[in-house]
Protein backbone atom coordinates (compact mmCIF):
# COMPACT_ATOMS: atom_id res chain seq x y z
CA MET A 1 49.25 -180.01 116.91
CA ALA A 2 50.71 -183.45 116.13
CA ARG A 3 51.76 -185.63 119.01
CA PRO A 4 55.52 -185.07 119.52
CA LYS A 5 56.29 -188.68 120.51
CA LEU A 6 54.80 -191.96 119.37
CA LYS A 7 53.08 -194.03 122.02
CA VAL A 8 51.06 -197.22 122.42
CA GLY A 9 47.59 -196.68 121.00
CA ASP A 10 48.63 -194.37 118.17
CA ILE A 11 47.62 -195.29 114.61
CA THR A 12 49.47 -198.25 113.10
CA ILE A 13 50.79 -198.99 109.61
CA GLU A 14 48.22 -201.76 109.29
CA GLU A 15 45.33 -199.41 110.06
CA VAL A 16 46.39 -196.84 107.45
CA LEU A 17 46.96 -199.57 104.87
CA ILE A 18 43.46 -200.94 105.44
CA LEU A 19 41.99 -197.43 105.24
CA SER A 20 43.94 -196.84 102.02
CA GLU A 21 42.67 -200.00 100.37
CA HIS A 22 39.12 -199.09 101.39
CA LEU A 23 39.37 -195.61 99.84
CA TYR A 24 40.98 -196.92 96.65
CA LYS A 25 38.12 -199.39 96.13
CA LYS A 26 35.46 -196.88 97.14
CA GLY A 27 36.75 -194.42 94.57
CA THR A 28 36.78 -191.51 97.00
CA ILE A 29 40.37 -190.79 95.91
CA ASP A 30 42.58 -191.85 93.01
CA ASN A 31 43.67 -195.48 93.20
CA LYS A 32 47.23 -194.98 94.43
CA LYS A 33 47.90 -198.71 94.19
CA ASP A 34 47.39 -198.57 90.41
CA ARG A 35 49.38 -195.35 90.09
CA ALA A 36 52.26 -196.88 92.04
CA LYS A 37 52.35 -199.80 89.60
CA ILE A 38 52.40 -197.49 86.60
CA ASP A 39 54.59 -194.60 87.77
CA VAL A 40 57.10 -195.87 90.34
CA THR A 41 60.28 -197.26 88.83
CA ASP A 42 62.17 -198.14 92.03
CA ALA A 43 62.87 -197.18 95.62
CA LYS A 44 65.76 -197.74 97.98
CA ILE A 45 66.56 -197.21 101.62
CA THR A 46 69.05 -194.40 102.03
CA ALA A 47 69.25 -194.33 105.84
CA LYS A 48 68.26 -196.31 108.95
CA LYS A 49 68.33 -194.93 112.48
CA ASN A 50 68.30 -196.92 115.75
CA LEU A 51 68.38 -200.24 113.94
CA ILE A 52 71.33 -202.61 114.17
CA LYS A 53 71.85 -206.13 112.90
CA LYS A 54 72.79 -208.84 115.40
CA GLU A 55 72.96 -212.56 114.75
CA GLY A 56 71.21 -212.26 111.42
CA LYS A 57 68.27 -210.15 112.59
CA TRP A 58 67.49 -206.48 113.07
CA ILE A 59 67.34 -205.13 116.62
CA GLN A 60 65.89 -201.80 117.78
CA SER A 61 68.52 -199.80 119.64
CA GLY A 62 66.65 -196.56 120.41
CA ARG A 63 63.27 -195.12 121.23
CA GLU A 64 62.07 -194.88 117.62
CA ILE A 65 63.16 -196.40 114.31
CA LYS A 66 63.49 -194.18 111.25
CA PHE A 67 63.66 -195.37 107.66
CA GLU A 68 64.46 -192.97 104.85
CA PHE A 69 63.76 -193.90 101.23
CA ILE A 70 64.23 -192.29 97.85
CA VAL A 71 61.41 -193.18 95.48
CA ARG A 72 61.90 -192.64 91.77
CA THR A 73 58.95 -192.21 89.43
CA ASP A 74 58.53 -191.82 85.70
CA PRO A 75 54.98 -190.39 85.63
CA LYS A 76 52.75 -192.02 83.02
CA SER A 77 49.37 -192.27 84.76
CA TYR A 78 48.66 -188.56 84.27
CA LYS A 79 49.61 -185.75 81.91
CA LYS A 80 52.75 -184.11 83.19
CA THR A 81 53.00 -180.32 83.19
CA ASP A 82 56.60 -180.17 84.43
CA THR A 83 59.73 -180.90 82.39
CA VAL A 84 61.63 -183.03 84.91
CA LYS A 85 62.01 -186.49 83.37
CA ILE A 86 62.52 -188.61 86.50
CA HIS A 87 61.01 -187.51 89.81
CA ARG A 88 62.88 -188.35 93.03
CA PHE A 89 61.08 -187.90 96.33
CA PRO A 90 62.24 -188.81 99.84
CA VAL A 91 59.82 -190.86 101.94
CA THR A 92 60.37 -191.10 105.70
CA PHE A 93 58.80 -193.55 108.16
CA VAL A 94 59.23 -193.41 111.93
CA LEU A 95 58.15 -196.56 113.84
CA ARG A 96 57.70 -196.77 117.59
CA GLU A 97 58.29 -200.51 118.00
CA TYR A 98 60.15 -202.37 115.29
CA HIS A 99 59.26 -205.81 116.63
CA LYS A 100 55.54 -205.06 116.15
CA GLY A 101 56.00 -204.48 112.43
CA PHE A 102 52.75 -203.44 110.77
CA GLN A 103 51.14 -203.19 114.22
CA SER A 104 53.59 -200.48 115.28
CA ALA A 105 52.50 -196.89 115.81
CA PHE A 106 54.17 -194.73 113.18
CA LYS A 107 54.48 -191.41 111.38
CA TRP A 108 55.49 -190.70 107.82
CA ARG A 109 56.16 -188.02 105.25
CA THR A 110 56.38 -188.08 101.49
CA GLY A 111 58.68 -185.35 100.26
CA SER A 112 61.35 -183.21 101.83
CA LEU A 113 60.99 -180.83 104.78
CA LYS A 114 61.44 -177.80 102.54
CA LYS A 115 58.65 -175.25 102.18
CA PRO A 116 56.76 -175.47 98.87
CA LEU A 117 57.14 -172.66 96.36
CA PHE A 118 54.12 -171.13 94.63
CA PRO A 119 53.70 -168.69 91.73
CA THR A 120 53.14 -165.06 92.64
CA LYS A 121 51.75 -164.01 89.26
CA LYS A 122 48.60 -165.17 87.45
CA ILE A 123 48.50 -165.55 83.68
CA SER A 124 45.01 -164.02 83.66
CA GLU A 125 46.47 -160.76 84.99
CA ALA A 126 48.95 -160.40 82.12
CA LYS A 127 48.21 -157.65 79.58
CA THR A 128 50.16 -158.95 76.59
CA VAL A 129 51.04 -162.27 74.96
CA ASN A 130 54.70 -161.79 75.87
CA ALA A 131 53.76 -161.19 79.49
CA LYS A 132 51.62 -164.34 79.54
CA ASN A 133 54.46 -166.40 78.09
CA ARG A 134 56.90 -164.96 80.62
CA ILE A 135 54.61 -165.90 83.51
CA ARG A 136 54.13 -169.41 82.09
CA LYS A 137 57.90 -169.83 81.94
CA GLU A 138 58.36 -168.54 85.50
CA ASN A 139 55.60 -170.79 86.83
CA LEU A 140 57.08 -173.82 85.07
CA GLU A 141 60.45 -173.13 86.70
CA ILE A 142 58.78 -172.93 90.12
CA GLN A 143 57.07 -176.26 89.47
CA ASN A 144 60.34 -177.84 88.40
CA GLN A 145 62.17 -176.38 91.40
CA ASN A 146 59.64 -177.92 93.80
CA ILE A 147 60.37 -181.32 92.26
CA ARG A 148 64.13 -180.77 92.42
CA ASN A 149 63.69 -179.79 96.08
CA GLY A 150 61.96 -183.11 96.74
CA ILE A 151 58.58 -181.50 97.42
CA GLN A 152 55.64 -183.72 96.51
CA LEU A 153 52.77 -181.27 96.06
CA GLN A 154 49.97 -183.86 95.98
CA PHE A 155 51.06 -184.99 99.43
CA PHE A 156 51.14 -181.35 100.52
CA PHE A 157 47.65 -180.59 99.22
CA ASN A 158 45.85 -183.86 100.02
CA LEU A 159 47.51 -185.28 103.12
CA GLU A 160 49.84 -182.98 105.05
CA PHE A 161 47.10 -181.09 106.95
CA ILE A 162 45.18 -184.29 107.70
CA LEU A 163 48.19 -186.30 108.88
CA GLU A 164 49.18 -183.48 111.23
CA LYS A 165 45.70 -183.59 112.80
CA TRP A 166 45.83 -187.38 113.20
CA GLY A 167 49.33 -187.30 114.70
CA LEU A 168 50.69 -189.19 111.70
CA LEU A 169 52.86 -186.51 110.10
CA TYR A 170 56.63 -186.65 110.37
CA GLY A 171 58.15 -183.18 110.27
CA ILE A 172 56.72 -179.70 109.85
CA ASN A 173 53.26 -179.05 108.46
CA TRP A 174 53.29 -176.32 105.78
CA ALA A 175 49.62 -176.78 104.83
CA GLU A 176 47.41 -174.20 106.50
CA TRP A 177 44.07 -175.37 105.10
CA SER A 178 42.09 -178.60 104.99
CA PRO A 179 41.60 -180.55 101.72
CA ASN A 180 37.79 -180.31 101.73
CA ILE A 181 37.46 -181.27 98.06
CA THR A 182 40.26 -183.80 97.51
CA ASN A 183 39.77 -185.61 100.85
CA PRO A 184 36.44 -184.48 102.34
CA ASP A 185 36.32 -187.33 104.87
CA TYR A 186 39.72 -186.36 106.34
CA ILE A 187 40.84 -190.00 106.16
CA PRO A 188 44.59 -190.76 106.09
CA PHE A 189 45.79 -192.94 103.21
CA PHE A 190 49.08 -193.87 101.60
CA ASP A 191 50.05 -191.87 98.53
CA LYS A 192 51.63 -193.86 95.69
CA HIS A 193 55.20 -193.23 96.92
CA SER A 194 54.62 -194.37 100.51
CA TYR A 195 52.33 -197.18 99.30
CA PHE A 196 55.18 -198.58 97.22
CA CYS A 197 57.54 -198.49 100.21
CA VAL A 198 54.96 -200.08 102.53
CA THR A 199 54.02 -202.89 100.14
CA GLU A 200 57.30 -203.59 98.36
CA ILE A 201 60.11 -202.87 100.83
CA LEU A 202 59.03 -202.61 104.48
CA PRO A 203 57.38 -206.07 104.58
CA LYS A 204 60.70 -207.67 103.67
CA ILE A 205 62.60 -206.14 106.60
CA LEU A 206 60.04 -206.12 109.41
CA ASN A 207 60.49 -208.94 111.91
CA ASP A 208 56.85 -210.06 111.94
CA TYR A 209 56.31 -210.18 108.17
CA LYS A 210 53.97 -213.02 107.22
CA PRO A 211 53.22 -213.20 103.47
CA GLU A 212 49.94 -215.06 103.94
CA LEU A 213 48.65 -212.41 106.38
CA TYR A 214 49.99 -209.47 104.41
CA LYS A 215 47.99 -210.51 101.33
CA ILE A 216 44.81 -209.91 103.33
CA TYR A 217 45.64 -206.20 103.59
CA THR A 218 46.21 -205.62 99.89
CA LYS A 219 44.05 -208.18 98.07
């Protein structure tokens, strides 16, 4: 079970970013940095919790800081099978100590807290062409509904189980099995949506942001 509260010694943003860059270069997983450049169109903060601005700087006012983003993508780095033109997924970060910036313990989630939907019928079980087409249509609608519900299935399949085990997952874990094929080393890494937020937005609002140091993480 994931740790309910963040504490000193938990995994930091910096550590996951370094692990991510290592995996991208190693080729163990898809290069999410490249996919973020190709697919992500923009992202914006939609909510901040326990963060107030005083005298021109942000101050932490509660135990943990929460940032909520909406990331929009126009997928081009892979062949889409859904019919939703622009994908919109929430991304949530919870930081223990705002003043530590990238050295803060944190949790995150890409996608909403809703439970993913899955097809109940297989095309291979259909007896006729009409039945096959009907199942294809139903399955496409389920796929589209997941996207409309803000559910990012790659995060669900590749990361949700692992992040829960590492104490990095924000929110409920719906994944009941480990991603032995897609992430056999069980290493946490930023998906393209969270990577975009971490590299393009968070550095600009964290108190300890130093451009010259930050470049070391993502060179």
